[in-house]
Amino acid sequence: MNANQRRLFVEKLAEDEAALRAQLERLRREAEAAAAATGALAAHAADKDMAGQ
């Protein structure tokens, strides 16, 4: 691998890493939101059960 190829490889590697980090962060936020929504739905269902509905 010559110097130019190495430079291009390192640049592409950094771009790929940044894209993967952004994707991972988005997926973490989505998972947290889904978990919060599931918790809210479960709490609501429990409230309905306790109220006899």
C-alpha atoms as a PDB file:
ATOM      1  CA  MET A   1       0.000   0.000   0.000  1.00  0.00           C
ATOM      2  CA  ASN A   2       1.539   3.320  -1.010  1.00  0.00           C
ATOM      3  CA  ALA A   3       1.240   6.559   0.957  1.00  0.00           C
ATOM      4  CA  ASN A   4      -1.722   7.866  -1.036  1.00  0.00           C
ATOM      5  CA  GLN A   5      -3.622   4.600  -0.691  1.00  0.00           C
ATOM      6  CA  ARG A   6      -2.890   4.567   3.045  1.00  0.00           C
ATOM      7  CA  ARG A   7      -4.148   8.141   3.400  1.00  0.00           C
ATOM      8  CA  LEU A   8      -7.362   7.311   1.545  1.00  0.00           C
ATOM      9  CA  PHE A   9      -7.823   4.193   3.658  1.00  0.00           C
ATOM     10  CA  VAL A  10      -7.402   6.138   6.909  1.00  0.00           C
ATOM     11  CA  GLU A  11      -9.833   8.832   5.727  1.00  0.00           C
ATOM     12  CA  LYS A  12     -12.446   6.262   4.728  1.00  0.00           C
ATOM     13  CA  LEU A  13     -11.956   4.381   7.977  1.00  0.00           C
ATOM     14  CA  ALA A  14     -12.575   7.574   9.978  1.00  0.00           C
ATOM     15  CA  GLU A  15     -15.716   8.329   7.931  1.00  0.00           C
ATOM     16  CA  ASP A  16     -17.038   4.800   8.436  1.00  0.00           C
ATOM     17  CA  GLU A  17     -16.348   4.951  12.168  1.00  0.00           C
ATOM     18  CA  ALA A  18     -18.160   8.277  12.494  1.00  0.00           C
ATOM     19  CA  ALA A  19     -21.157   6.925  10.577  1.00  0.00           C
ATOM     20  CA  LEU A  20     -21.296   3.812  12.752  1.00  0.00           C
ATOM     21  CA  ARG A  21     -21.061   5.858  15.950  1.00  0.00           C
ATOM     22  CA  ALA A  22     -23.940   8.056  14.769  1.00  0.00           C
ATOM     23  CA  GLN A  23     -26.016   4.994  13.862  1.00  0.00           C
ATOM     24  CA  LEU A  24     -25.300   3.396  17.243  1.00  0.00           C
ATOM     25  CA  GLU A  25     -26.340   6.554  19.066  1.00  0.00           C
ATOM     26  CA  ARG A  26     -29.581   6.739  17.059  1.00  0.00           C
ATOM     27  CA  LEU A  27     -30.349   3.104  17.839  1.00  0.00           C
ATOM     28  CA  ARG A  28     -29.654   3.676  21.542  1.00  0.00           C
ATOM     29  CA  ARG A  29     -32.074   6.611  21.605  1.00  0.00           C
ATOM     30  CA  GLU A  30     -34.714   4.563  19.790  1.00  0.00           C
ATOM     31  CA  ALA A  31     -34.261   1.662  22.221  1.00  0.00           C
ATOM     32  CA  GLU A  32     -34.554   3.987  25.213  1.00  0.00           C
ATOM     33  CA  ALA A  33     -37.708   5.547  23.775  1.00  0.00           C
ATOM     34  CA  ALA A  34     -39.211   2.115  23.093  1.00  0.00           C
ATOM     35  CA  ALA A  35     -38.368   0.951  26.601  1.00  0.00           C
ATOM     36  CA  ALA A  36     -39.916   4.085  28.084  1.00  0.00           C
ATOM     37  CA  ALA A  37     -43.048   3.642  25.959  1.00  0.00           C
ATOM     38  CA  THR A  38     -43.317  -0.025  26.938  1.00  0.00           C
ATOM     39  CA  GLY A  39     -42.958   0.918  30.583  1.00  0.00           C
ATOM     40  CA  ALA A  40     -45.641   3.577  30.233  1.00  0.00           C
ATOM     41  CA  LEU A  41     -47.974   1.119  28.498  1.00  0.00           C
ATOM     42  CA  ALA A  42     -47.396  -1.504  31.184  1.00  0.00           C
ATOM     43  CA  ALA A  43     -48.075   1.053  33.926  1.00  0.00           C
ATOM     44  CA  HIS A  44     -51.253   2.146  32.173  1.00  0.00           C
ATOM     45  CA  ALA A  45     -52.418  -1.474  31.813  1.00  0.00           C
ATOM     46  CA  ALA A  46     -51.710  -2.113  35.490  1.00  0.00           C
ATOM     47  CA  ASP A  47     -53.684   0.988  36.446  1.00  0.00           C
ATOM     48  CA  LYS A  48     -56.624  -0.218  34.366  1.00  0.00           C
ATOM     49  CA  ASP A  49     -56.453  -3.662  36.016  1.00  0.00           C
ATOM     50  CA  MET A  50     -56.460  -2.130  39.489  1.00  0.00           C
ATOM     51  CA  ALA A  51     -59.459   0.036  38.555  1.00  0.00           C
ATOM     52  CA  GLY A  52     -61.360  -3.041  37.395  1.00  0.00           C
ATOM     53  CA  GLN A  53     -61.600  -1.997  33.771  1.00  0.00           C
END
